[in-house]
Structures are given as C-alpha cells and as structure tokens.
Amino acid sequence: MLNLIFVAFIIISFVCYFYFKTKQFRSTLPIAKKWYKSKANVAFGCFVFFFGLNQAYLFPVMYTFIIVAVLLIFSLYIITENSKKVRHYGRFVEEEYRINQ
C-alpha cells in the first residue's frame, strides 16, 4: 500500500514538473519564466525525494540506503533553494504581467 502512495506522489510530481516546464517555455516575460522554472525545480525535487523513498521501501539493503540518503539530501536542497526563489519571484510576477499588458 505504501508503495502505491509513493508511486502516486511520483506521478503527481512528474506531471507538475512537466506542466511548469511547459509554462516556462510558453511564457514571454522574464520574471515569469524564472518563476515557472523555480516551480518546476521544486516539483523535480519532490520527484527525486519520493523516488528515493520508494527505492528504500522496495530494496531495503545497506547500499540502497546510502544512495537514498544522497538522493534525499540532494532533493531537499533543491526543494528549499527553489522554494525561496518561488517566493522571491512570486512577488514580482503579478506586477510584471500588469506592466506588460
């Protein structure tokens, strides 16, 4: 059952990554592009995080736990850094849309 939950979160995070990446490519405004890129990177970090947890659940061996620990540290770094960027760029996106219309 836990495996299905991890798989659901993996699929949801991949769909969010794909959605924000396409929004990034379709956007013409520079701050909005950075905002969508940061959101896509947060979704990618969640993807790596849940993938690592799923692998630890499926293959409970010592070397898997070592690799999963590296993945989790890497994904948490990606999530925290890009969450800061999302908050920072989010302040300016609405203003940029208003100015460029």
PDB file of N, CA and C in Angstrom:
ATOM      1  N   MET A   1       0.821  -1.193   0.000  1.00  0.00           N
ATOM      2  CA  MET A   1       0.000   0.000   0.000  1.00  0.00           C
ATOM      3  C   MET A   1       0.871   1.266   0.000  1.00  0.00           C
ATOM      4  N   LEU A   2       1.937   1.245   0.804  1.00  0.00           N
ATOM      5  CA  LEU A   2       2.827   2.403   0.873  1.00  0.00           C
ATOM      6  C   LEU A   2       3.510   2.648  -0.467  1.00  0.00           C
ATOM      7  N   ASN A   3       3.809   1.566  -1.170  1.00  0.00           N
ATOM      8  CA  ASN A   3       4.421   1.685  -2.495  1.00  0.00           C
ATOM      9  C   ASN A   3       3.497   2.421  -3.454  1.00  0.00           C
ATOM     10  N   LEU A   4       2.202   2.144  -3.400  1.00  0.00           N
ATOM     11  CA  LEU A   4       1.244   2.820  -4.276  1.00  0.00           C
ATOM     12  C   LEU A   4       1.159   4.311  -3.965  1.00  0.00           C
ATOM     13  N   ILE A   5       1.278   4.654  -2.694  1.00  0.00           N
ATOM     14  CA  ILE A   5       1.262   6.070  -2.309  1.00  0.00           C
ATOM     15  C   ILE A   5       2.491   6.780  -2.871  1.00  0.00           C
ATOM     16  N   PHE A   6       3.661   6.138  -2.734  1.00  0.00           N
ATOM     17  CA  PHE A   6       4.877   6.727  -3.294  1.00  0.00           C
ATOM     18  C   PHE A   6       4.773   6.873  -4.804  1.00  0.00           C
ATOM     19  N   VAL A   7       4.237   5.861  -5.474  1.00  0.00           N
ATOM     20  CA  VAL A   7       4.093   5.922  -6.930  1.00  0.00           C
ATOM     21  C   VAL A   7       3.135   7.045  -7.324  1.00  0.00           C
ATOM     22  N   ALA A   8       2.062   7.217  -6.575  1.00  0.00           N
ATOM     23  CA  ALA A   8       1.121   8.306  -6.863  1.00  0.00           C
ATOM     24  C   ALA A   8       1.811   9.666  -6.721  1.00  0.00           C
ATOM     25  N   PHE A   9       2.594   9.839  -5.662  1.00  0.00           N
ATOM     26  CA  PHE A   9       3.308  11.106  -5.476  1.00  0.00           C
ATOM     27  C   PHE A   9       4.375  11.314  -6.555  1.00  0.00           C
ATOM     28  N   ILE A  10       5.011  10.233  -6.981  1.00  0.00           N
ATOM     29  CA  ILE A  10       5.996  10.337  -8.059  1.00  0.00           C
ATOM     30  C   ILE A  10       5.325  10.801  -9.339  1.00  0.00           C
ATOM     31  N   ILE A  11       4.184  10.229  -9.665  1.00  0.00           N
ATOM     32  CA  ILE A  11       3.467  10.609 -10.889  1.00  0.00           C
ATOM     33  C   ILE A  11       2.974  12.044 -10.794  1.00  0.00           C
ATOM     34  N   ILE A  12       2.410  12.418  -9.655  1.00  0.00           N
ATOM     35  CA  ILE A  12       1.910  13.790  -9.480  1.00  0.00           C
ATOM     36  C   ILE A  12       3.046  14.797  -9.599  1.00  0.00           C
ATOM     37  N   SER A  13       4.176  14.519  -8.988  1.00  0.00           N
ATOM     38  CA  SER A  13       5.292  15.465  -9.056  1.00  0.00           C
ATOM     39  C   SER A  13       5.857  15.545 -10.474  1.00  0.00           C
ATOM     40  N   PHE A  14       5.882  14.422 -11.209  1.00  0.00           N
ATOM     41  CA  PHE A  14       6.351  14.467 -12.590  1.00  0.00           C
ATOM     42  C   PHE A  14       5.391  15.276 -13.465  1.00  0.00           C
ATOM     43  N   VAL A  15       4.094  15.111 -13.258  1.00  0.00           N
ATOM     44  CA  VAL A  15       3.108  15.878 -14.029  1.00  0.00           C
ATOM     45  C   VAL A  15       3.247  17.368 -13.720  1.00  0.00           C
ATOM     46  N   CYS A  16       3.447  17.707 -12.449  1.00  0.00           N
ATOM     47  CA  CYS A  16       3.647  19.119 -12.078  1.00  0.00           C
ATOM     48  C   CYS A  16       4.916  19.662 -12.710  1.00  0.00           C
ATOM     49  N   TYR A  17       5.983  18.862 -12.718  1.00  0.00           N
ATOM     50  CA  TYR A  17       7.227  19.284 -13.354  1.00  0.00           C
ATOM     51  C   TYR A  17       6.999  19.569 -14.837  1.00  0.00           C
ATOM     52  N   PHE A  18       6.354  18.658 -15.514  1.00  0.00           N
ATOM     53  CA  PHE A  18       6.087  18.827 -16.949  1.00  0.00           C
ATOM     54  C   PHE A  18       5.201  20.043 -17.199  1.00  0.00           C
ATOM     55  N   TYR A  19       4.190  20.254 -16.364  1.00  0.00           N
ATOM     56  CA  TYR A  19       3.284  21.389 -16.513  1.00  0.00           C
ATOM     57  C   TYR A  19       4.033  22.722 -16.373  1.00  0.00           C
ATOM     58  N   PHE A  20       4.821  22.855 -15.307  1.00  0.00           N
ATOM     59  CA  PHE A  20       5.528  24.114 -15.089  1.00  0.00           C
ATOM     60  C   PHE A  20       6.635  24.332 -16.103  1.00  0.00           C
ATOM     61  N   LYS A  21       7.239  23.253 -16.595  1.00  0.00           N
ATOM     62  CA  LYS A  21       8.272  23.401 -17.624  1.00  0.00           C
ATOM     63  C   LYS A  21       7.651  23.912 -18.924  1.00  0.00           C
ATOM     64  N   THR A  22       6.484  23.406 -19.283  1.00  0.00           N
ATOM     65  CA  THR A  22       5.829  23.906 -20.495  1.00  0.00           C
ATOM     66  C   THR A  22       5.363  25.344 -20.299  1.00  0.00           C
ATOM     67  N   LYS A  23       4.893  25.688 -19.098  1.00  0.00           N
ATOM     68  CA  LYS A  23       4.524  27.081 -18.824  1.00  0.00           C
ATOM     69  C   LYS A  23       5.745  27.997 -18.933  1.00  0.00           C
ATOM     70  N   GLN A  24       6.904  27.496 -18.498  1.00  0.00           N
ATOM     71  CA  GLN A  24       8.134  28.275 -18.599  1.00  0.00           C
ATOM     72  C   GLN A  24       8.473  28.551 -20.055  1.00  0.00           C
ATOM     73  N   PHE A  25       8.404  27.540 -20.897  1.00  0.00           N
ATOM     74  CA  PHE A  25       8.749  27.727 -22.307  1.00  0.00           C
ATOM     75  C   PHE A  25       7.748  28.599 -23.035  1.00  0.00           C
ATOM     76  N   ARG A  26       6.506  28.573 -22.617  1.00  0.00           N
ATOM     77  CA  ARG A  26       5.473  29.358 -23.307  1.00  0.00           C
ATOM     78  C   ARG A  26       5.407  30.807 -22.829  1.00  0.00           C
ATOM     79  N   SER A  27       5.948  31.083 -21.674  1.00  0.00           N
ATOM     80  CA  SER A  27       5.903  32.439 -21.131  1.00  0.00           C
ATOM     81  C   SER A  27       6.888  33.337 -21.873  1.00  0.00           C
ATOM     82  N   THR A  28       6.476  34.581 -22.063  1.00  0.00           N
ATOM     83  CA  THR A  28       7.336  35.539 -22.754  1.00  0.00           C
ATOM     84  C   THR A  28       8.004  36.520 -21.791  1.00  0.00           C
ATOM     85  N   LEU A  29       7.519  36.572 -20.563  1.00  0.00           N
ATOM     86  CA  LEU A  29       8.044  37.525 -19.597  1.00  0.00           C
ATOM     87  C   LEU A  29       9.193  36.901 -18.799  1.00  0.00           C
ATOM     88  N   PRO A  30      10.297  37.627 -18.620  1.00  0.00           N
ATOM     89  CA  PRO A  30      11.492  37.028 -17.995  1.00  0.00           C
ATOM     90  C   PRO A  30      11.305  36.611 -16.538  1.00  0.00           C
ATOM     91  N   ILE A  31      10.623  37.415 -15.734  1.00  0.00           N
ATOM     92  CA  ILE A  31      10.432  37.042 -14.331  1.00  0.00           C
ATOM     93  C   ILE A  31       9.488  35.846 -14.236  1.00  0.00           C
ATOM     94  N   ALA A  32       8.474  35.818 -15.069  1.00  0.00           N
ATOM     95  CA  ALA A  32       7.548  34.683 -15.066  1.00  0.00           C
ATOM     96  C   ALA A  32       8.271  33.402 -15.477  1.00  0.00           C
ATOM     97  N   LYS A  33       9.206  33.510 -16.430  1.00  0.00           N
ATOM     98  CA  LYS A  33       9.993  32.340 -16.830  1.00  0.00           C
ATOM     99  C   LYS A  33      10.796  31.803 -15.645  1.00  0.00           C
ATOM    100  N   LYS A  34      11.435  32.698 -14.910  1.00  0.00           N
ATOM    101  CA  LYS A  34      12.213  32.276 -13.741  1.00  0.00           C
ATOM    102  C   LYS A  34      11.314  31.674 -12.671  1.00  0.00           C
ATOM    103  N   TRP A  35      10.120  32.246 -12.506  1.00  0.00           N
ATOM    104  CA  TRP A  35       9.168  31.758 -11.514  1.00  0.00           C
ATOM    105  C   TRP A  35       8.723  30.336 -11.853  1.00  0.00           C
ATOM    106  N   TYR A  36       8.360  30.127 -13.114  1.00  0.00           N
ATOM    107  CA  TYR A  36       7.935  28.790 -13.541  1.00  0.00           C
ATOM    108  C   TYR A  36       9.092  27.793 -13.493  1.00  0.00           C
ATOM    109  N   LYS A  37      10.291  28.260 -13.801  1.00  0.00           N
ATOM    110  CA  LYS A  37      11.457  27.376 -13.718  1.00  0.00           C
ATOM    111  C   LYS A  37      11.689  26.930 -12.278  1.00  0.00           C
ATOM    112  N   SER A  38      11.559  27.846 -11.342  1.00  0.00           N
ATOM    113  CA  SER A  38      11.730  27.502  -9.932  1.00  0.00           C
ATOM    114  C   SER A  38      10.643  26.548  -9.456  1.00  0.00           C
ATOM    115  N   LYS A  39       9.403  26.766  -9.914  1.00  0.00           N
ATOM    116  CA  LYS A  39       8.324  25.854  -9.548  1.00  0.00           C
ATOM    117  C   LYS A  39       8.571  24.464 -10.122  1.00  0.00           C
ATOM    118  N   ALA A  40       9.066  24.409 -11.361  1.00  0.00           N
ATOM    119  CA  ALA A  40       9.380  23.115 -11.975  1.00  0.00           C
ATOM    120  C   ALA A  40      10.490  22.420 -11.205  1.00  0.00           C
ATOM    121  N   ASN A  41      11.462  23.167 -10.738  1.00  0.00           N
ATOM    122  CA  ASN A  41      12.559  22.568  -9.973  1.00  0.00           C
ATOM    123  C   ASN A  41      12.094  22.055  -8.609  1.00  0.00           C
ATOM    124  N   VAL A  42      11.124  22.723  -7.995  1.00  0.00           N
ATOM    125  CA  VAL A  42      10.549  22.216  -6.749  1.00  0.00           C
ATOM    126  C   VAL A  42       9.844  20.882  -7.018  1.00  0.00           C
ATOM    127  N   ALA A  43       9.098  20.817  -8.115  1.00  0.00           N
ATOM    128  CA  ALA A  43       8.428  19.562  -8.468  1.00  0.00           C
ATOM    129  C   ALA A  43       9.454  18.470  -8.776  1.00  0.00           C
ATOM    130  N   PHE A  44      10.562  18.832  -9.420  1.00  0.00           N
ATOM    131  CA  PHE A  44      11.614  17.855  -9.683  1.00  0.00           C
ATOM    132  C   PHE A  44      12.235  17.354  -8.385  1.00  0.00           C
ATOM    133  N   GLY A  45      12.451  18.261  -7.447  1.00  0.00           N
ATOM    134  CA  GLY A  45      12.970  17.864  -6.143  1.00  0.00           C
ATOM    135  C   GLY A  45      12.027  16.908  -5.429  1.00  0.00           C
ATOM    136  N   CYS A  46      10.727  17.163  -5.521  1.00  0.00           N
ATOM    137  CA  CYS A  46       9.747  16.249  -4.930  1.00  0.00           C
ATOM    138  C   CYS A  46       9.777  14.896  -5.627  1.00  0.00           C
ATOM    139  N   PHE A  47       9.943  14.915  -6.942  1.00  0.00           N
ATOM    140  CA  PHE A  47      10.054  13.672  -7.699  1.00  0.00           C
ATOM    141  C   PHE A  47      11.242  12.840  -7.210  1.00  0.00           C
ATOM    142  N   VAL A  48      12.390  13.458  -7.080  1.00  0.00           N
ATOM    143  CA  VAL A  48      13.589  12.745  -6.624  1.00  0.00           C
ATOM    144  C   VAL A  48      13.410  12.258  -5.184  1.00  0.00           C
ATOM    145  N   PHE A  49      12.782  13.077  -4.349  1.00  0.00           N
ATOM    146  CA  PHE A  49      12.547  12.711  -2.954  1.00  0.00           C
ATOM    147  C   PHE A  49      11.681  11.460  -2.851  1.00  0.00           C
ATOM    148  N   PHE A  50      10.534  11.471  -3.526  1.00  0.00           N
ATOM    149  CA  PHE A  50       9.636  10.323  -3.448  1.00  0.00           C
ATOM    150  C   PHE A  50      10.200   9.105  -4.162  1.00  0.00           C
ATOM    151  N   PHE A  51      10.972   9.319  -5.213  1.00  0.00           N
ATOM    152  CA  PHE A  51      11.630   8.198  -5.870  1.00  0.00           C
ATOM    153  C   PHE A  51      12.620   7.528  -4.917  1.00  0.00           C
ATOM    154  N   GLY A  52      13.379   8.333  -4.197  1.00  0.00           N
ATOM    155  CA  GLY A  52      14.323   7.786  -3.230  1.00  0.00           C
ATOM    156  C   GLY A  52      13.628   7.020  -2.120  1.00  0.00           C
ATOM    157  N   LEU A  53      12.535   7.576  -1.593  1.00  0.00           N
ATOM    158  CA  LEU A  53      11.793   6.864  -0.556  1.00  0.00           C
ATOM    159  C   LEU A  53      11.228   5.551  -1.087  1.00  0.00           C
ATOM    160  N   ASN A  54      10.744   5.569  -2.307  1.00  0.00           N
ATOM    161  CA  ASN A  54      10.199   4.361  -2.909  1.00  0.00           C
ATOM    162  C   ASN A  54      11.283   3.296  -3.067  1.00  0.00           C
ATOM    163  N   GLN A  55      12.464   3.694  -3.485  1.00  0.00           N
ATOM    164  CA  GLN A  55      13.556   2.737  -3.649  1.00  0.00           C
ATOM    165  C   GLN A  55      13.981   2.158  -2.302  1.00  0.00           C
ATOM    166  N   ALA A  56      13.997   2.991  -1.271  1.00  0.00           N
ATOM    167  CA  ALA A  56      14.351   2.499   0.061  1.00  0.00           C
ATOM    168  C   ALA A  56      13.311   1.506   0.561  1.00  0.00           C
ATOM    169  N   TYR A  57      12.053   1.733   0.217  1.00  0.00           N
ATOM    170  CA  TYR A  57      10.993   0.828   0.622  1.00  0.00           C
ATOM    171  C   TYR A  57      11.064  -0.497  -0.146  1.00  0.00           C
ATOM    172  N   LEU A  58      11.363  -0.418  -1.442  1.00  0.00           N
ATOM    173  CA  LEU A  58      11.383  -1.621  -2.277  1.00  0.00           C
ATOM    174  C   LEU A  58      12.623  -2.481  -2.056  1.00  0.00           C
ATOM    175  N   PHE A  59      13.777  -1.848  -1.860  1.00  0.00           N
ATOM    176  CA  PHE A  59      15.040  -2.574  -1.754  1.00  0.00           C
ATOM    177  C   PHE A  59      15.748  -2.207  -0.446  1.00  0.00           C
ATOM    178  N   PRO A  60      15.369  -2.826   0.656  1.00  0.00           N
ATOM    179  CA  PRO A  60      15.969  -2.472   1.961  1.00  0.00           C
ATOM    180  C   PRO A  60      17.347  -3.118   2.163  1.00  0.00           C
ATOM    181  N   VAL A  61      18.337  -2.607   1.435  1.00  0.00           N
ATOM    182  CA  VAL A  61      19.711  -3.089   1.536  1.00  0.00           C
ATOM    183  C   VAL A  61      20.584  -1.891   1.902  1.00  0.00           C
ATOM    184  N   MET A  62      21.721  -2.119   2.529  1.00  0.00           N
ATOM    185  CA  MET A  62      22.559  -1.032   3.039  1.00  0.00           C
ATOM    186  C   MET A  62      23.009  -0.076   1.945  1.00  0.00           C
ATOM    187  N   TYR A  63      23.502  -0.600   0.819  1.00  0.00           N
ATOM    188  CA  TYR A  63      23.974   0.314  -0.221  1.00  0.00           C
ATOM    189  C   TYR A  63      22.820   1.115  -0.827  1.00  0.00           C
ATOM    190  N   THR A  64      21.600   0.571  -0.824  1.00  0.00           N
ATOM    191  CA  THR A  64      20.438   1.338  -1.283  1.00  0.00           C
ATOM    192  C   THR A  64      20.180   2.499  -0.333  1.00  0.00           C
ATOM    193  N   PHE A  65      20.315   2.249   0.957  1.00  0.00           N
ATOM    194  CA  PHE A  65      20.088   3.320   1.930  1.00  0.00           C
ATOM    195  C   PHE A  65      21.120   4.433   1.783  1.00  0.00           C
ATOM    196  N   ILE A  66      22.335   4.094   1.443  1.00  0.00           N
ATOM    197  CA  ILE A  66      23.370   5.106   1.238  1.00  0.00           C
ATOM    198  C   ILE A  66      23.030   5.971   0.024  1.00  0.00           C
ATOM    199  N   ILE A  67      22.642   5.322  -1.072  1.00  0.00           N
ATOM    200  CA  ILE A  67      22.275   6.059  -2.280  1.00  0.00           C
ATOM    201  C   ILE A  67      21.025   6.899  -2.030  1.00  0.00           C
ATOM    202  N   VAL A  68      20.057   6.345  -1.320  1.00  0.00           N
ATOM    203  CA  VAL A  68      18.830   7.069  -0.995  1.00  0.00           C
ATOM    204  C   VAL A  68      19.132   8.275  -0.109  1.00  0.00           C
ATOM    205  N   ALA A  69      20.055   8.138   0.817  1.00  0.00           N
ATOM    206  CA  ALA A  69      20.420   9.266   1.674  1.00  0.00           C
ATOM    207  C   ALA A  69      20.981  10.414   0.837  1.00  0.00           C
ATOM    208  N   VAL A  70      21.819  10.079  -0.136  1.00  0.00           N
ATOM    209  CA  VAL A  70      22.359  11.112  -1.036  1.00  0.00           C
ATOM    210  C   VAL A  70      21.232  11.755  -1.839  1.00  0.00           C
ATOM    211  N   LEU A  71      20.317  10.939  -2.358  1.00  0.00           N
ATOM    212  CA  LEU A  71      19.192  11.476  -3.123  1.00  0.00           C
ATOM    213  C   LEU A  71      18.306  12.377  -2.272  1.00  0.00           C
ATOM    214  N   LEU A  72      18.053  11.970  -1.039  1.00  0.00           N
ATOM    215  CA  LEU A  72      17.193  12.770  -0.169  1.00  0.00           C
ATOM    216  C   LEU A  72      17.842  14.103   0.193  1.00  0.00           C
ATOM    217  N   ILE A  73      19.125  14.082   0.481  1.00  0.00           N
ATOM    218  CA  ILE A  73      19.824  15.334   0.782  1.00  0.00           C
ATOM    219  C   ILE A  73      19.816  16.251  -0.439  1.00  0.00           C
ATOM    220  N   PHE A  74      20.103  15.685  -1.595  1.00  0.00           N
ATOM    221  CA  PHE A  74      20.092  16.454  -2.840  1.00  0.00           C
ATOM    222  C   PHE A  74      18.704  17.023  -3.124  1.00  0.00           C
ATOM    223  N   SER A  75      17.667  16.209  -2.948  1.00  0.00           N
ATOM    224  CA  SER A  75      16.314  16.679  -3.247  1.00  0.00           C
ATOM    225  C   SER A  75      15.851  17.738  -2.249  1.00  0.00           C
ATOM    226  N   LEU A  76      16.183  17.579  -0.984  1.00  0.00           N
ATOM    227  CA  LEU A  76      15.803  18.598  -0.007  1.00  0.00           C
ATOM    228  C   LEU A  76      16.506  19.924  -0.282  1.00  0.00           C
ATOM    229  N   TYR A  77      17.744  19.857  -0.736  1.00  0.00           N
ATOM    230  CA  TYR A  77      18.451  21.077  -1.126  1.00  0.00           C
ATOM    231  C   TYR A  77      17.744  21.747  -2.307  1.00  0.00           C
ATOM    232  N   ILE A  78      17.385  20.967  -3.321  1.00  0.00           N
ATOM    233  CA  ILE A  78      16.686  21.509  -4.489  1.00  0.00           C
ATOM    234  C   ILE A  78      15.360  22.137  -4.080  1.00  0.00           C
ATOM    235  N   ILE A  79      14.616  21.447  -3.234  1.00  0.00           N
ATOM    236  CA  ILE A  79      13.303  21.950  -2.823  1.00  0.00           C
ATOM    237  C   ILE A  79      13.428  23.243  -2.032  1.00  0.00           C
ATOM    238  N   THR A  80      14.343  23.303  -1.064  1.00  0.00           N
ATOM    239  CA  THR A  80      14.446  24.504  -0.234  1.00  0.00           C
ATOM    240  C   THR A  80      14.958  25.706  -1.028  1.00  0.00           C
ATOM    241  N   GLU A  81      15.984  25.507  -1.836  1.00  0.00           N
ATOM    242  CA  GLU A  81      16.526  26.632  -2.603  1.00  0.00           C
ATOM    243  C   GLU A  81      15.511  27.171  -3.606  1.00  0.00           C
ATOM    244  N   ASN A  82      14.819  26.293  -4.283  1.00  0.00           N
ATOM    245  CA  ASN A  82      13.863  26.759  -5.285  1.00  0.00           C
ATOM    246  C   ASN A  82      12.573  27.266  -4.667  1.00  0.00           C
ATOM    247  N   SER A  83      12.230  26.825  -3.469  1.00  0.00           N
ATOM    248  CA  SER A  83      11.078  27.395  -2.772  1.00  0.00           C
ATOM    249  C   SER A  83      11.347  28.861  -2.422  1.00  0.00           C
ATOM    250  N   LYS A  84      12.586  29.139  -2.042  1.00  0.00           N
ATOM    251  CA  LYS A  84      12.959  30.536  -1.779  1.00  0.00           C
ATOM    252  C   LYS A  84      12.838  31.375  -3.046  1.00  0.00           C
ATOM    253  N   LYS A  85      13.261  30.800  -4.176  1.00  0.00           N
ATOM    254  CA  LYS A  85      13.165  31.517  -5.451  1.00  0.00           C
ATOM    255  C   LYS A  85      11.719  31.723  -5.861  1.00  0.00           C
ATOM    256  N   VAL A  86      10.865  30.734  -5.615  1.00  0.00           N
ATOM    257  CA  VAL A  86       9.445  30.866  -5.952  1.00  0.00           C
ATOM    258  C   VAL A  86       8.825  32.005  -5.162  1.00  0.00           C
ATOM    259  N   ARG A  87       9.123  32.075  -3.871  1.00  0.00           N
ATOM    260  CA  ARG A  87       8.596  33.172  -3.055  1.00  0.00           C
ATOM    261  C   ARG A  87       9.132  34.516  -3.522  1.00  0.00           C
ATOM    262  N   HIS A  88      10.421  34.569  -3.868  1.00  0.00           N
ATOM    263  CA  HIS A  88      11.030  35.826  -4.300  1.00  0.00           C
ATOM    264  C   HIS A  88      10.437  36.303  -5.617  1.00  0.00           C
ATOM    265  N   TYR A  89      10.403  35.433  -6.622  1.00  0.00           N
ATOM    266  CA  TYR A  89       9.888  35.834  -7.933  1.00  0.00           C
ATOM    267  C   TYR A  89       8.380  36.021  -7.914  1.00  0.00           C
ATOM    268  N   GLY A  90       7.693  35.319  -7.015  1.00  0.00           N
ATOM    269  CA  GLY A  90       6.241  35.437  -6.937  1.00  0.00           C
ATOM    270  C   GLY A  90       5.773  36.834  -6.614  1.00  0.00           C
ATOM    271  N   ARG A  91       6.604  37.580  -5.908  1.00  0.00           N
ATOM    272  CA  ARG A  91       6.248  38.965  -5.574  1.00  0.00           C
ATOM    273  C   ARG A  91       6.189  39.861  -6.804  1.00  0.00           C
ATOM    274  N   PHE A  92       6.961  39.518  -7.823  1.00  0.00           N
ATOM    275  CA  PHE A  92       7.091  40.405  -8.969  1.00  0.00           C
ATOM    276  C   PHE A  92       6.313  39.949 -10.196  1.00  0.00           C
ATOM    277  N   VAL A  93       5.768  38.751 -10.178  1.00  0.00           N
ATOM    278  CA  VAL A  93       5.104  38.210 -11.368  1.00  0.00           C
ATOM    279  C   VAL A  93       3.845  39.000 -11.700  1.00  0.00           C
ATOM    280  N   GLU A  94       3.005  39.248 -10.696  1.00  0.00           N
ATOM    281  CA  GLU A  94       1.765  39.980 -10.952  1.00  0.00           C
ATOM    282  C   GLU A  94       2.065  41.391 -11.458  1.00  0.00           C
ATOM    283  N   GLU A  95       3.047  42.030 -10.865  1.00  0.00           N
ATOM    284  CA  GLU A  95       3.436  43.373 -11.307  1.00  0.00           C
ATOM    285  C   GLU A  95       3.959  43.343 -12.743  1.00  0.00           C
ATOM    286  N   GLU A  96       4.721  42.317 -13.081  1.00  0.00           N
ATOM    287  CA  GLU A  96       5.257  42.198 -14.442  1.00  0.00           C
ATOM    288  C   GLU A  96       4.135  41.999 -15.452  1.00  0.00           C
ATOM    289  N   TYR A  97       3.156  41.166 -15.108  1.00  0.00           N
ATOM    290  CA  TYR A  97       2.009  40.982 -16.009  1.00  0.00           C
ATOM    291  C   TYR A  97       1.244  42.288 -16.197  1.00  0.00           C
ATOM    292  N   ARG A  98       1.050  43.012 -15.090  1.00  0.00           N
ATOM    293  CA  ARG A  98       0.308  44.268 -15.156  1.00  0.00           C
ATOM    294  C   ARG A  98       1.043  45.308 -16.004  1.00  0.00           C
ATOM    295  N   ILE A  99       2.350  45.392 -15.883  1.00  0.00           N
ATOM    296  CA  ILE A  99       3.147  46.369 -16.630  1.00  0.00           C
ATOM    297  C   ILE A  99       3.180  46.042 -18.123  1.00  0.00           C
ATOM    298  N   ASN A 100       3.258  44.773 -18.459  1.00  0.00           N
ATOM    299  CA  ASN A 100       3.449  44.383 -19.867  1.00  0.00           C
ATOM    300  C   ASN A 100       2.165  44.119 -20.625  1.00  0.00           C
ATOM    301  N   GLN A 101       1.027  44.490 -20.085  1.00  0.00           N
ATOM    302  CA  GLN A 101      -0.219  44.293 -20.846  1.00  0.00           C
ATOM    303  C   GLN A 101      -0.640  45.531 -21.558  1.00  0.00           C
TER     304      GLN A 101
END
